[in-house]
Every structure is written in C-alpha cells, then in structure tokens.
C-alpha cells in the first residue's frame, strides 16, 4: 500500500475481494440502534433534523454533532443533555468514530465521552491506536468500561507514511 494523501491506494483489484467480503460490505447499515436505544454509527448526524431523514453522507462524514456536544459540555453539568440539544434523537447513548480523539482538546488516545456520546476513534487511521470496547450496561457504567488498545500505529508500522 502507498499513502495517497486521501487514505491509502491498494494494489488489489476488485476481483481480488472474496464474494463473502463483498456481501458483508453490501449489507452494511448506515447505523444500528439496539434494544437499549443505543445508536452506533460511523460519524454523526445533524441534530437539528429528524434522525431518519438525514442524507446518507451525513451518517459517515458529520463532525458537527460531536463539536456541538463538546461546546455544550463546557457550559452544563457533566453528562446533562441540554433541553433542545437534539431535535429527534431518542437515544440513551450514541457511539461514534470518524473524529480522532487525538485531534480534540487534550489530544488523548483514549475513548472520549461527552454528553451521551462516546467517540471511539483514537487515531488508528493516523498515528494513534485502534480501540475496541466492551459495551456498558448503562451510561452510568461508562467509567467502568473496559476497552483494549493496540500499540500506536508508529510502533506497529515503522515505515508508515501517515
């Protein structure tokens, strides 16, 4: 693989991808909401619009949701979701990625929780770590969350161009 400045280019051809992998990618959903009303999505959503009426690209490119939550969190009691913050998002918790925690505030390589949003992107696409988390039963259990992380990318791939 070679760095292209917009991700990585690959020497693979589409015909190299096994049919089972193609089927998995073709069946992916833009988001998933579980029975506990937790929402899982790549990036975010426009909090001013009804959740199910978003443009598809919003679910995997939006950063405004986290940015707004960070601003609100600075002015309100920790964990309190301000009245009117969401137009139509009845989620107890929201789990996102796309915005590396290594590029926010204190630039931590740990998962970040703000309001009811947990950002699990700890910079593996750059020079950070890949993080996986055991989901808590409730938002109150977040502090007890167990998560595991890889070594930093620079230690795993010494010749990385990212």
C-alpha atoms as a PDB file:
ATOM      1  CA  UNK A   1       0.000   0.000   0.000  1.00  0.00           C
ATOM      2  CA  UNK A   2       1.099   3.561  -0.627  1.00  0.00           C
ATOM      3  CA  UNK A   3      -0.093   6.735   1.028  1.00  0.00           C
ATOM      4  CA  UNK A   4      -2.119   8.894  -1.346  1.00  0.00           C
ATOM      5  CA  UNK A   5      -2.861  11.830   0.944  1.00  0.00           C
ATOM      6  CA  UNK A   6      -6.524  10.770   0.976  1.00  0.00           C
ATOM      7  CA  UNK A   7      -6.108   7.365   2.573  1.00  0.00           C
ATOM      8  CA  UNK A   8      -4.226   4.501   1.013  1.00  0.00           C
ATOM      9  CA  UNK A   9      -4.157   3.201  -2.525  1.00  0.00           C
ATOM     10  CA  UNK A  10      -4.016  -0.539  -2.866  1.00  0.00           C
ATOM     11  CA  UNK A  11      -2.532  -2.912  -5.384  1.00  0.00           C
ATOM     12  CA  UNK A  12      -5.663  -5.048  -5.020  1.00  0.00           C
ATOM     13  CA  UNK A  13      -8.171  -5.338  -7.823  1.00  0.00           C
ATOM     14  CA  UNK A  14     -11.904  -5.541  -7.158  1.00  0.00           C
ATOM     15  CA  UNK A  15     -11.768  -9.125  -8.423  1.00  0.00           C
ATOM     16  CA  UNK A  16      -9.361  -9.942  -5.544  1.00  0.00           C
ATOM     17  CA  UNK A  17     -12.085  -9.326  -2.954  1.00  0.00           C
ATOM     18  CA  UNK A  18     -13.808 -12.571  -1.894  1.00  0.00           C
ATOM     19  CA  UNK A  19     -17.545 -12.740  -2.560  1.00  0.00           C
ATOM     20  CA  UNK A  20     -18.232 -13.180   1.175  1.00  0.00           C
ATOM     21  CA  UNK A  21     -16.487  -9.870   1.899  1.00  0.00           C
ATOM     22  CA  UNK A  22     -18.385  -8.095  -0.864  1.00  0.00           C
ATOM     23  CA  UNK A  23     -21.658  -9.442   0.528  1.00  0.00           C
ATOM     24  CA  UNK A  24     -20.749  -8.145   4.002  1.00  0.00           C
ATOM     25  CA  UNK A  25     -19.973  -4.651   2.681  1.00  0.00           C
ATOM     26  CA  UNK A  26     -23.122  -4.570   0.548  1.00  0.00           C
ATOM     27  CA  UNK A  27     -25.287  -5.469   3.553  1.00  0.00           C
ATOM     28  CA  UNK A  28     -23.849  -2.856   5.912  1.00  0.00           C
ATOM     29  CA  UNK A  29     -26.250  -0.399   7.504  1.00  0.00           C
ATOM     30  CA  UNK A  30     -25.717   3.327   7.916  1.00  0.00           C
ATOM     31  CA  UNK A  31     -26.413   2.994  11.644  1.00  0.00           C
ATOM     32  CA  UNK A  32     -27.619   0.469  14.180  1.00  0.00           C
ATOM     33  CA  UNK A  33     -29.922   1.062  17.150  1.00  0.00           C
ATOM     34  CA  UNK A  34     -30.092  -1.718  19.737  1.00  0.00           C
ATOM     35  CA  UNK A  35     -32.900  -2.670  22.133  1.00  0.00           C
ATOM     36  CA  UNK A  36     -31.391  -0.394  24.809  1.00  0.00           C
ATOM     37  CA  UNK A  37     -31.769   2.627  22.485  1.00  0.00           C
ATOM     38  CA  UNK A  38     -28.043   2.935  21.892  1.00  0.00           C
ATOM     39  CA  UNK A  39     -27.106   4.222  18.455  1.00  0.00           C
ATOM     40  CA  UNK A  40     -23.941   3.119  16.658  1.00  0.00           C
ATOM     41  CA  UNK A  41     -22.751   4.976  13.572  1.00  0.00           C
ATOM     42  CA  UNK A  42     -19.570   5.983  11.859  1.00  0.00           C
ATOM     43  CA  UNK A  43     -19.549   9.752  12.318  1.00  0.00           C
ATOM     44  CA  UNK A  44     -22.634  11.600  13.479  1.00  0.00           C
ATOM     45  CA  UNK A  45     -25.844  13.199  12.316  1.00  0.00           C
ATOM     46  CA  UNK A  46     -27.497  16.593  12.005  1.00  0.00           C
ATOM     47  CA  UNK A  47     -29.088  17.049  15.422  1.00  0.00           C
ATOM     48  CA  UNK A  48     -31.495  19.664  14.005  1.00  0.00           C
ATOM     49  CA  UNK A  49     -33.176  17.195  11.619  1.00  0.00           C
ATOM     50  CA  UNK A  50     -35.217  14.059  12.315  1.00  0.00           C
ATOM     51  CA  UNK A  51     -32.726  11.204  12.644  1.00  0.00           C
ATOM     52  CA  UNK A  52     -34.196   9.001   9.909  1.00  0.00           C
ATOM     53  CA  UNK A  53     -34.382  11.865   7.381  1.00  0.00           C
ATOM     54  CA  UNK A  54     -30.639  12.526   7.175  1.00  0.00           C
ATOM     55  CA  UNK A  55     -28.674  12.407   3.950  1.00  0.00           C
ATOM     56  CA  UNK A  56     -26.703   9.143   3.816  1.00  0.00           C
ATOM     57  CA  UNK A  57     -23.406  11.012   3.694  1.00  0.00           C
ATOM     58  CA  UNK A  58     -24.201  12.751   6.978  1.00  0.00           C
ATOM     59  CA  UNK A  59     -24.005   9.465   8.894  1.00  0.00           C
ATOM     60  CA  UNK A  60     -20.421   8.888   7.807  1.00  0.00           C
ATOM     61  CA  UNK A  61     -18.985  12.398   7.488  1.00  0.00           C
ATOM     62  CA  UNK A  62     -20.643  14.603  10.145  1.00  0.00           C
ATOM     63  CA  UNK A  63     -18.455  16.079  12.861  1.00  0.00           C
ATOM     64  CA  UNK A  64     -20.825  18.830  13.984  1.00  0.00           C
ATOM     65  CA  UNK A  65     -22.646  16.560  16.437  1.00  0.00           C
ATOM     66  CA  UNK A  66     -19.503  15.938  18.486  1.00  0.00           C
ATOM     67  CA  UNK A  67     -18.286  19.535  18.120  1.00  0.00           C
ATOM     68  CA  UNK A  68     -21.602  20.887  19.418  1.00  0.00           C
ATOM     69  CA  UNK A  69     -21.614  18.390  22.286  1.00  0.00           C
ATOM     70  CA  UNK A  70     -18.110  19.468  23.283  1.00  0.00           C
ATOM     71  CA  UNK A  71     -19.189  23.128  23.323  1.00  0.00           C
ATOM     72  CA  UNK A  72     -22.338  22.387  25.361  1.00  0.00           C
ATOM     73  CA  UNK A  73     -20.480  20.150  27.792  1.00  0.00           C
ATOM     74  CA  UNK A  74     -18.257  23.086  28.733  1.00  0.00           C
ATOM     75  CA  UNK A  75     -21.304  25.077  29.934  1.00  0.00           C
ATOM     76  CA  UNK A  76     -23.551  22.446  31.518  1.00  0.00           C
ATOM     77  CA  UNK A  77     -23.184  19.928  34.302  1.00  0.00           C
ATOM     78  CA  UNK A  78     -21.243  16.917  33.015  1.00  0.00           C
ATOM     79  CA  UNK A  79     -23.484  14.352  31.373  1.00  0.00           C
ATOM     80  CA  UNK A  80     -26.580  16.582  31.344  1.00  0.00           C
ATOM     81  CA  UNK A  81     -28.055  16.884  27.871  1.00  0.00           C
ATOM     82  CA  UNK A  82     -29.372  20.439  27.424  1.00  0.00           C
ATOM     83  CA  UNK A  83     -33.056  20.836  26.598  1.00  0.00           C
ATOM     84  CA  UNK A  84     -33.479  21.059  22.831  1.00  0.00           C
ATOM     85  CA  UNK A  85     -29.998  19.779  22.020  1.00  0.00           C
ATOM     86  CA  UNK A  86     -31.477  17.020  19.855  1.00  0.00           C
ATOM     87  CA  UNK A  87     -34.446  17.588  17.565  1.00  0.00           C
ATOM     88  CA  UNK A  88     -35.406  13.947  17.159  1.00  0.00           C
ATOM     89  CA  UNK A  89     -32.828  11.529  18.537  1.00  0.00           C
ATOM     90  CA  UNK A  90     -34.281   9.395  21.327  1.00  0.00           C
ATOM     91  CA  UNK A  91     -31.019   7.625  22.100  1.00  0.00           C
ATOM     92  CA  UNK A  92     -29.717   6.828  25.565  1.00  0.00           C
ATOM     93  CA  UNK A  93     -26.202   6.652  24.160  1.00  0.00           C
ATOM     94  CA  UNK A  94     -24.508   7.350  20.855  1.00  0.00           C
ATOM     95  CA  UNK A  95     -21.270   5.642  19.816  1.00  0.00           C
ATOM     96  CA  UNK A  96     -19.299   7.255  17.014  1.00  0.00           C
ATOM     97  CA  UNK A  97     -15.897   7.362  15.367  1.00  0.00           C
ATOM     98  CA  UNK A  98     -14.557   9.401  12.443  1.00  0.00           C
ATOM     99  CA  UNK A  99     -13.214  12.236  14.620  1.00  0.00           C
ATOM    100  CA  UNK A 100      -9.971  11.106  16.269  1.00  0.00           C
ATOM    101  CA  UNK A 101      -9.748  11.907  19.977  1.00  0.00           C
ATOM    102  CA  UNK A 102      -6.084  12.656  19.272  1.00  0.00           C
ATOM    103  CA  UNK A 103      -7.259  15.821  17.461  1.00  0.00           C
ATOM    104  CA  UNK A 104      -9.611  17.082  20.198  1.00  0.00           C
ATOM    105  CA  UNK A 105      -8.806  19.262  23.204  1.00  0.00           C
ATOM    106  CA  UNK A 106      -6.289  17.411  25.360  1.00  0.00           C
ATOM    107  CA  UNK A 107      -5.493  15.147  22.396  1.00  0.00           C
ATOM    108  CA  UNK A 108      -5.975  11.915  24.287  1.00  0.00           C
ATOM    109  CA  UNK A 109      -5.642   8.494  22.716  1.00  0.00           C
ATOM    110  CA  UNK A 110      -8.429   7.176  24.949  1.00  0.00           C
ATOM    111  CA  UNK A 111     -12.172   6.988  24.165  1.00  0.00           C
ATOM    112  CA  UNK A 112     -13.949  10.270  24.873  1.00  0.00           C
ATOM    113  CA  UNK A 113     -17.386  10.657  26.446  1.00  0.00           C
ATOM    114  CA  UNK A 114     -19.268  13.941  26.157  1.00  0.00           C
ATOM    115  CA  UNK A 115     -22.986  14.292  26.956  1.00  0.00           C
ATOM    116  CA  UNK A 116     -24.337  10.886  25.864  1.00  0.00           C
ATOM    117  CA  UNK A 117     -21.841  10.493  23.015  1.00  0.00           C
ATOM    118  CA  UNK A 118     -18.815   8.195  23.114  1.00  0.00           C
ATOM    119  CA  UNK A 119     -16.130   8.755  20.486  1.00  0.00           C
ATOM    120  CA  UNK A 120     -14.124   5.557  19.988  1.00  0.00           C
ATOM    121  CA  UNK A 121     -11.860   6.869  17.229  1.00  0.00           C
ATOM    122  CA  UNK A 122      -8.488   7.018  18.948  1.00  0.00           C
ATOM    123  CA  UNK A 123      -6.494   7.810  15.841  1.00  0.00           C
ATOM    124  CA  UNK A 124      -5.686   4.396  14.336  1.00  0.00           C
ATOM    125  CA  UNK A 125      -6.090   5.888  10.858  1.00  0.00           C
ATOM    126  CA  UNK A 126      -3.248   8.268  11.626  1.00  0.00           C
ATOM    127  CA  UNK A 127      -0.595   7.622  14.265  1.00  0.00           C
ATOM    128  CA  UNK A 128      -2.822   6.638  17.178  1.00  0.00           C
ATOM    129  CA  UNK A 129      -4.243   3.381  18.482  1.00  0.00           C
ATOM    130  CA  UNK A 130      -7.013   1.016  17.447  1.00  0.00           C
ATOM    131  CA  UNK A 131      -9.559   0.725  20.261  1.00  0.00           C
ATOM    132  CA  UNK A 132     -12.271  -1.833  20.991  1.00  0.00           C
ATOM    133  CA  UNK A 133     -14.682  -1.537  23.894  1.00  0.00           C
ATOM    134  CA  UNK A 134     -16.872  -3.838  25.907  1.00  0.00           C
ATOM    135  CA  UNK A 135     -20.207  -2.028  25.970  1.00  0.00           C
ATOM    136  CA  UNK A 136     -21.520  -0.884  29.334  1.00  0.00           C
ATOM    137  CA  UNK A 137     -24.958  -1.930  30.511  1.00  0.00           C
ATOM    138  CA  UNK A 138     -25.872   1.705  31.201  1.00  0.00           C
ATOM    139  CA  UNK A 139     -24.370   5.133  30.577  1.00  0.00           C
ATOM    140  CA  UNK A 140     -23.680   5.354  34.334  1.00  0.00           C
ATOM    141  CA  UNK A 141     -21.317   2.388  33.948  1.00  0.00           C
ATOM    142  CA  UNK A 142     -19.153   4.208  31.387  1.00  0.00           C
ATOM    143  CA  UNK A 143     -16.352   4.836  33.881  1.00  0.00           C
ATOM    144  CA  UNK A 144     -16.127   1.070  34.393  1.00  0.00           C
ATOM    145  CA  UNK A 145     -15.950   0.384  30.660  1.00  0.00           C
ATOM    146  CA  UNK A 146     -13.289  -1.970  29.658  1.00  0.00           C
ATOM    147  CA  UNK A 147     -11.506  -1.211  26.461  1.00  0.00           C
ATOM    148  CA  UNK A 148      -8.432  -2.542  24.793  1.00  0.00           C
ATOM    149  CA  UNK A 149      -5.994  -0.748  22.551  1.00  0.00           C
ATOM    150  CA  UNK A 150      -3.305  -1.637  20.079  1.00  0.00           C
ATOM    151  CA  UNK A 151       0.139  -0.151  20.283  1.00  0.00           C
ATOM    152  CA  UNK A 152       0.402   3.191  18.454  1.00  0.00           C
ATOM    153  CA  UNK A 153       0.481   2.880  14.674  1.00  0.00           C
ATOM    154  CA  UNK A 154       4.042   4.170  14.563  1.00  0.00           C
ATOM    155  CA  UNK A 155       5.187   1.218  16.685  1.00  0.00           C
ATOM    156  CA  UNK A 156       3.255  -1.323  14.619  1.00  0.00           C
ATOM    157  CA  UNK A 157       4.266   0.031  11.224  1.00  0.00           C
ATOM    158  CA  UNK A 158       7.590   1.802  11.473  1.00  0.00           C
ATOM    159  CA  UNK A 159       7.609   2.703   7.761  1.00  0.00           C
ATOM    160  CA  UNK A 160       4.113   4.187   7.711  1.00  0.00           C
ATOM    161  CA  UNK A 161       3.718   7.395   5.733  1.00  0.00           C
ATOM    162  CA  UNK A 162       0.775   8.586   7.809  1.00  0.00           C
END
